[in-house]
């Protein structure tokens, strides 16, 4: 097993890249799975407990077609597309 030799700041940047633009209130779609609303972004121990595995983060989402709520730590990829992001009290449509 290889040791992670990246400095902490790089590790934090990697986490943010893996989460991508997902934040509570945002909506995104995937090429393979439908459209989702982000209910929460979890970090640290809360994330590890939610997915029962070693991770630094997880997201809780609701599938819009089925209302199925899941928590996962699948990284943001080029097959994911932001539809709109939360701006706190409002939702902002993402540029396409």
N, C-alpha and C. Protein backbone atom coordinates (compact mmCIF):
# COMPACT_ATOMS: atom_id res chain seq x y z
N UNK A 1 0.84 -1.17 0.00
CA UNK A 1 0.00 0.00 0.00
C UNK A 1 0.89 1.24 0.00
N UNK A 2 0.63 2.15 -0.92
CA UNK A 2 1.43 3.36 -1.02
C UNK A 2 0.96 4.38 -0.01
N UNK A 3 1.90 5.12 0.55
CA UNK A 3 1.57 6.18 1.50
C UNK A 3 1.25 7.45 0.74
N UNK A 4 0.29 8.21 1.25
CA UNK A 4 -0.03 9.50 0.66
C UNK A 4 1.02 10.50 1.11
N UNK A 5 1.82 11.00 0.18
CA UNK A 5 2.89 11.93 0.52
C UNK A 5 2.55 13.36 0.10
N UNK A 6 1.30 13.60 -0.28
CA UNK A 6 0.90 14.94 -0.70
C UNK A 6 0.78 15.84 0.53
N UNK A 7 1.19 17.11 0.41
CA UNK A 7 1.03 18.03 1.54
C UNK A 7 -0.46 18.26 1.82
N UNK A 8 -0.81 18.59 3.08
CA UNK A 8 -2.21 18.76 3.45
C UNK A 8 -2.98 19.73 2.56
N UNK A 9 -2.37 20.83 2.13
CA UNK A 9 -3.10 21.79 1.30
C UNK A 9 -3.49 21.15 -0.03
N UNK A 10 -2.63 20.34 -0.61
CA UNK A 10 -2.96 19.65 -1.85
C UNK A 10 -4.08 18.64 -1.62
N UNK A 11 -4.03 17.95 -0.48
CA UNK A 11 -5.07 16.99 -0.16
C UNK A 11 -6.42 17.69 -0.05
N UNK A 12 -6.45 18.86 0.57
CA UNK A 12 -7.68 19.63 0.67
C UNK A 12 -8.19 20.08 -0.68
N UNK A 13 -7.27 20.44 -1.56
CA UNK A 13 -7.66 20.84 -2.91
C UNK A 13 -8.23 19.64 -3.66
N UNK A 14 -7.65 18.46 -3.45
CA UNK A 14 -8.16 17.25 -4.09
C UNK A 14 -9.58 16.95 -3.63
N UNK A 15 -9.85 17.11 -2.34
CA UNK A 15 -11.19 16.88 -1.80
C UNK A 15 -12.18 17.81 -2.49
N UNK A 16 -11.83 19.09 -2.59
CA UNK A 16 -12.72 20.05 -3.24
C UNK A 16 -12.96 19.69 -4.70
N UNK A 17 -11.93 19.22 -5.40
CA UNK A 17 -12.10 18.81 -6.79
C UNK A 17 -13.01 17.59 -6.89
N UNK A 18 -12.88 16.67 -5.94
CA UNK A 18 -13.73 15.47 -5.94
C UNK A 18 -15.19 15.82 -5.67
N UNK A 19 -15.42 16.77 -4.77
CA UNK A 19 -16.79 17.19 -4.47
C UNK A 19 -17.35 17.98 -5.65
N UNK A 20 -16.50 18.75 -6.30
CA UNK A 20 -16.93 19.55 -7.44
C UNK A 20 -17.85 20.68 -7.00
N UNK A 21 -18.79 21.08 -7.85
CA UNK A 21 -19.67 22.20 -7.53
C UNK A 21 -20.86 21.80 -6.66
N UNK A 22 -20.85 20.57 -6.15
CA UNK A 22 -21.98 20.13 -5.33
C UNK A 22 -21.97 20.82 -3.98
N UNK A 23 -23.07 21.45 -3.66
CA UNK A 23 -23.31 22.09 -2.37
C UNK A 23 -24.79 21.93 -2.09
N UNK A 24 -25.17 21.99 -0.83
CA UNK A 24 -26.58 21.85 -0.48
C UNK A 24 -27.41 22.83 -1.29
N UNK A 25 -28.45 22.31 -1.93
CA UNK A 25 -29.33 23.13 -2.74
C UNK A 25 -29.03 23.11 -4.22
N UNK A 26 -27.87 22.58 -4.61
CA UNK A 26 -27.52 22.51 -6.03
C UNK A 26 -28.23 21.34 -6.70
N UNK A 27 -28.38 21.42 -8.01
CA UNK A 27 -28.94 20.34 -8.82
C UNK A 27 -27.93 19.98 -9.90
N UNK A 28 -27.76 18.68 -10.15
CA UNK A 28 -26.86 18.25 -11.21
C UNK A 28 -27.41 17.00 -11.87
N UNK A 29 -26.91 16.73 -13.06
CA UNK A 29 -27.30 15.51 -13.76
C UNK A 29 -26.04 14.73 -14.11
N UNK A 30 -26.23 13.45 -14.35
CA UNK A 30 -25.13 12.59 -14.79
C UNK A 30 -25.52 11.95 -16.10
N UNK A 31 -24.54 11.62 -16.90
CA UNK A 31 -24.82 10.97 -18.18
C UNK A 31 -25.47 9.61 -18.00
N UNK A 32 -25.23 8.97 -16.88
CA UNK A 32 -25.72 7.61 -16.66
C UNK A 32 -26.87 7.49 -15.66
N UNK A 33 -27.08 8.49 -14.80
CA UNK A 33 -27.96 8.24 -13.67
C UNK A 33 -29.12 9.16 -13.42
N UNK A 34 -29.33 10.20 -14.19
CA UNK A 34 -30.47 11.06 -13.94
C UNK A 34 -30.08 12.40 -13.37
N UNK A 35 -31.06 13.02 -12.70
CA UNK A 35 -30.89 14.36 -12.14
C UNK A 35 -31.06 14.29 -10.63
N UNK A 36 -30.20 15.03 -9.91
CA UNK A 36 -30.13 14.94 -8.46
C UNK A 36 -30.15 16.31 -7.82
N UNK A 37 -30.74 16.38 -6.62
CA UNK A 37 -30.65 17.55 -5.77
C UNK A 37 -29.68 17.21 -4.65
N UNK A 38 -28.74 18.10 -4.37
CA UNK A 38 -27.80 17.89 -3.26
C UNK A 38 -28.47 18.36 -1.98
N UNK A 39 -28.64 17.44 -1.05
CA UNK A 39 -29.25 17.76 0.23
C UNK A 39 -28.22 18.19 1.26
N UNK A 40 -27.02 17.59 1.21
CA UNK A 40 -25.97 17.92 2.18
C UNK A 40 -24.62 17.48 1.66
N UNK A 41 -23.59 18.19 2.07
CA UNK A 41 -22.20 17.76 1.86
C UNK A 41 -21.63 17.50 3.25
N UNK A 42 -21.19 16.27 3.46
CA UNK A 42 -20.67 15.84 4.76
C UNK A 42 -19.16 15.77 4.71
N UNK A 43 -18.52 16.02 5.83
CA UNK A 43 -17.06 15.97 5.89
C UNK A 43 -16.61 15.23 7.15
N UNK A 44 -15.39 14.73 7.09
CA UNK A 44 -14.78 14.12 8.26
C UNK A 44 -15.54 12.92 8.79
N UNK A 45 -15.62 12.84 10.11
CA UNK A 45 -16.23 11.69 10.78
C UNK A 45 -17.69 11.50 10.37
N UNK A 46 -18.40 12.59 10.17
CA UNK A 46 -19.80 12.51 9.75
C UNK A 46 -19.91 11.81 8.38
N UNK A 47 -19.02 12.10 7.47
CA UNK A 47 -19.01 11.45 6.15
C UNK A 47 -18.67 9.97 6.30
N UNK A 48 -17.64 9.66 7.08
CA UNK A 48 -17.23 8.26 7.25
C UNK A 48 -18.35 7.44 7.86
N UNK A 49 -19.07 7.98 8.83
CA UNK A 49 -20.17 7.25 9.46
C UNK A 49 -21.33 7.05 8.49
N UNK A 50 -21.56 8.04 7.64
CA UNK A 50 -22.70 7.97 6.72
C UNK A 50 -22.52 6.91 5.63
N UNK A 51 -21.27 6.72 5.17
CA UNK A 51 -21.03 5.76 4.09
C UNK A 51 -20.32 4.50 4.58
N UNK A 52 -19.99 4.48 5.86
CA UNK A 52 -19.36 3.31 6.47
C UNK A 52 -18.08 2.89 5.73
N UNK A 53 -17.26 3.89 5.42
CA UNK A 53 -15.96 3.63 4.80
C UNK A 53 -15.04 4.80 5.06
N UNK A 54 -13.78 4.61 4.77
CA UNK A 54 -12.76 5.64 4.99
C UNK A 54 -12.86 6.67 3.86
N UNK A 55 -13.26 7.86 4.20
CA UNK A 55 -13.38 8.96 3.24
C UNK A 55 -13.30 10.28 3.99
N UNK A 56 -12.98 11.34 3.28
CA UNK A 56 -12.94 12.66 3.90
C UNK A 56 -14.23 13.44 3.66
N UNK A 57 -15.08 12.93 2.75
CA UNK A 57 -16.29 13.65 2.40
C UNK A 57 -17.33 12.69 1.83
N UNK A 58 -18.58 13.15 1.79
CA UNK A 58 -19.67 12.42 1.14
C UNK A 58 -20.77 13.43 0.82
N UNK A 59 -21.63 13.08 -0.11
CA UNK A 59 -22.77 13.93 -0.42
C UNK A 59 -24.05 13.13 -0.28
N UNK A 60 -25.08 13.79 0.23
CA UNK A 60 -26.41 13.19 0.30
C UNK A 60 -27.24 13.83 -0.79
N UNK A 61 -27.81 12.98 -1.66
CA UNK A 61 -28.56 13.48 -2.80
C UNK A 61 -29.94 12.83 -2.88
N UNK A 62 -30.84 13.51 -3.58
CA UNK A 62 -32.17 12.96 -3.86
C UNK A 62 -32.31 12.87 -5.36
N UNK A 63 -32.62 11.66 -5.86
CA UNK A 63 -32.85 11.44 -7.28
C UNK A 63 -34.22 12.02 -7.62
N UNK A 64 -34.29 12.95 -8.55
CA UNK A 64 -35.54 13.65 -8.80
C UNK A 64 -36.64 12.77 -9.38
N UNK A 65 -36.29 11.76 -10.15
CA UNK A 65 -37.30 10.89 -10.76
C UNK A 65 -37.89 9.90 -9.77
N UNK A 66 -37.09 9.47 -8.80
CA UNK A 66 -37.53 8.41 -7.89
C UNK A 66 -37.71 8.86 -6.44
N UNK A 67 -37.22 10.05 -6.10
CA UNK A 67 -37.17 10.55 -4.73
C UNK A 67 -36.26 9.72 -3.82
N UNK A 68 -35.48 8.82 -4.38
CA UNK A 68 -34.56 8.00 -3.60
C UNK A 68 -33.43 8.88 -3.06
N UNK A 69 -33.21 8.82 -1.75
CA UNK A 69 -32.15 9.60 -1.11
C UNK A 69 -30.99 8.66 -0.80
N UNK A 70 -29.79 9.04 -1.22
CA UNK A 70 -28.60 8.24 -0.96
C UNK A 70 -27.46 9.16 -0.50
N UNK A 71 -26.51 8.56 0.20
CA UNK A 71 -25.29 9.26 0.58
C UNK A 71 -24.14 8.47 -0.02
N UNK A 72 -23.26 9.18 -0.72
CA UNK A 72 -22.16 8.51 -1.43
C UNK A 72 -20.94 9.42 -1.47
N UNK A 73 -19.82 8.84 -1.92
CA UNK A 73 -18.60 9.63 -2.07
C UNK A 73 -18.00 9.41 -3.46
N UNK A 74 -18.88 9.43 -4.46
CA UNK A 74 -18.42 9.32 -5.84
C UNK A 74 -17.93 10.70 -6.31
N UNK A 75 -16.72 10.73 -6.83
CA UNK A 75 -16.10 11.99 -7.24
C UNK A 75 -16.81 12.60 -8.45
N UNK A 76 -16.79 13.91 -8.52
CA UNK A 76 -17.31 14.67 -9.66
C UNK A 76 -16.46 14.34 -10.88
N UNK A 77 -17.10 14.04 -12.01
CA UNK A 77 -16.36 13.70 -13.23
C UNK A 77 -16.89 14.52 -14.40
N UNK A 78 -16.30 14.31 -15.57
CA UNK A 78 -16.76 15.02 -16.76
C UNK A 78 -18.13 14.56 -17.24
N UNK A 79 -18.65 13.46 -16.69
CA UNK A 79 -19.99 13.03 -17.06
C UNK A 79 -21.06 13.64 -16.14
N UNK A 80 -20.64 14.46 -15.16
CA UNK A 80 -21.55 15.17 -14.28
C UNK A 80 -21.71 16.60 -14.79
N UNK A 81 -22.94 17.12 -14.70
CA UNK A 81 -23.22 18.45 -15.24
C UNK A 81 -24.05 19.25 -14.24
N UNK A 82 -23.52 20.38 -13.82
CA UNK A 82 -24.23 21.25 -12.90
C UNK A 82 -25.40 21.90 -13.63
N UNK A 83 -26.59 21.80 -13.07
CA UNK A 83 -27.77 22.45 -13.64
C UNK A 83 -27.96 23.81 -13.00
N UNK A 84 -27.95 23.84 -11.68
CA UNK A 84 -28.00 25.12 -10.96
C UNK A 84 -27.37 24.94 -9.60
N UNK A 85 -26.87 26.02 -9.07
CA UNK A 85 -26.20 25.98 -7.76
C UNK A 85 -26.98 26.81 -6.78
N UNK A 86 -26.84 26.48 -5.52
CA UNK A 86 -27.45 27.25 -4.46
C UNK A 86 -26.58 28.46 -4.17
N UNK A 87 -27.20 29.59 -3.97
CA UNK A 87 -26.45 30.79 -3.58
C UNK A 87 -26.83 31.21 -2.17
N UNK A 88 -27.24 30.26 -1.38
CA UNK A 88 -27.65 30.52 0.00
C UNK A 88 -29.16 30.58 0.11
N UNK A 89 -29.75 31.72 -0.23
CA UNK A 89 -31.19 31.86 -0.13
C UNK A 89 -31.88 31.68 -1.47
N UNK A 90 -31.11 31.56 -2.54
CA UNK A 90 -31.70 31.43 -3.87
C UNK A 90 -30.94 30.38 -4.66
N UNK A 91 -31.50 30.02 -5.79
CA UNK A 91 -30.84 29.07 -6.68
C UNK A 91 -30.45 29.82 -7.95
N UNK A 92 -29.21 29.61 -8.38
CA UNK A 92 -28.68 30.28 -9.55
C UNK A 92 -28.50 29.26 -10.67
N UNK A 93 -29.06 29.54 -11.84
CA UNK A 93 -28.92 28.63 -12.97
C UNK A 93 -27.49 28.66 -13.47
N UNK A 94 -26.89 27.48 -13.63
CA UNK A 94 -25.50 27.39 -14.08
C UNK A 94 -25.41 27.70 -15.56
N UNK A 95 -24.32 28.33 -15.95
CA UNK A 95 -24.07 28.59 -17.37
C UNK A 95 -23.86 27.27 -18.08
N UNK A 96 -24.42 27.14 -19.22
CA UNK A 96 -24.30 25.88 -19.97
C UNK A 96 -23.27 25.99 -21.06
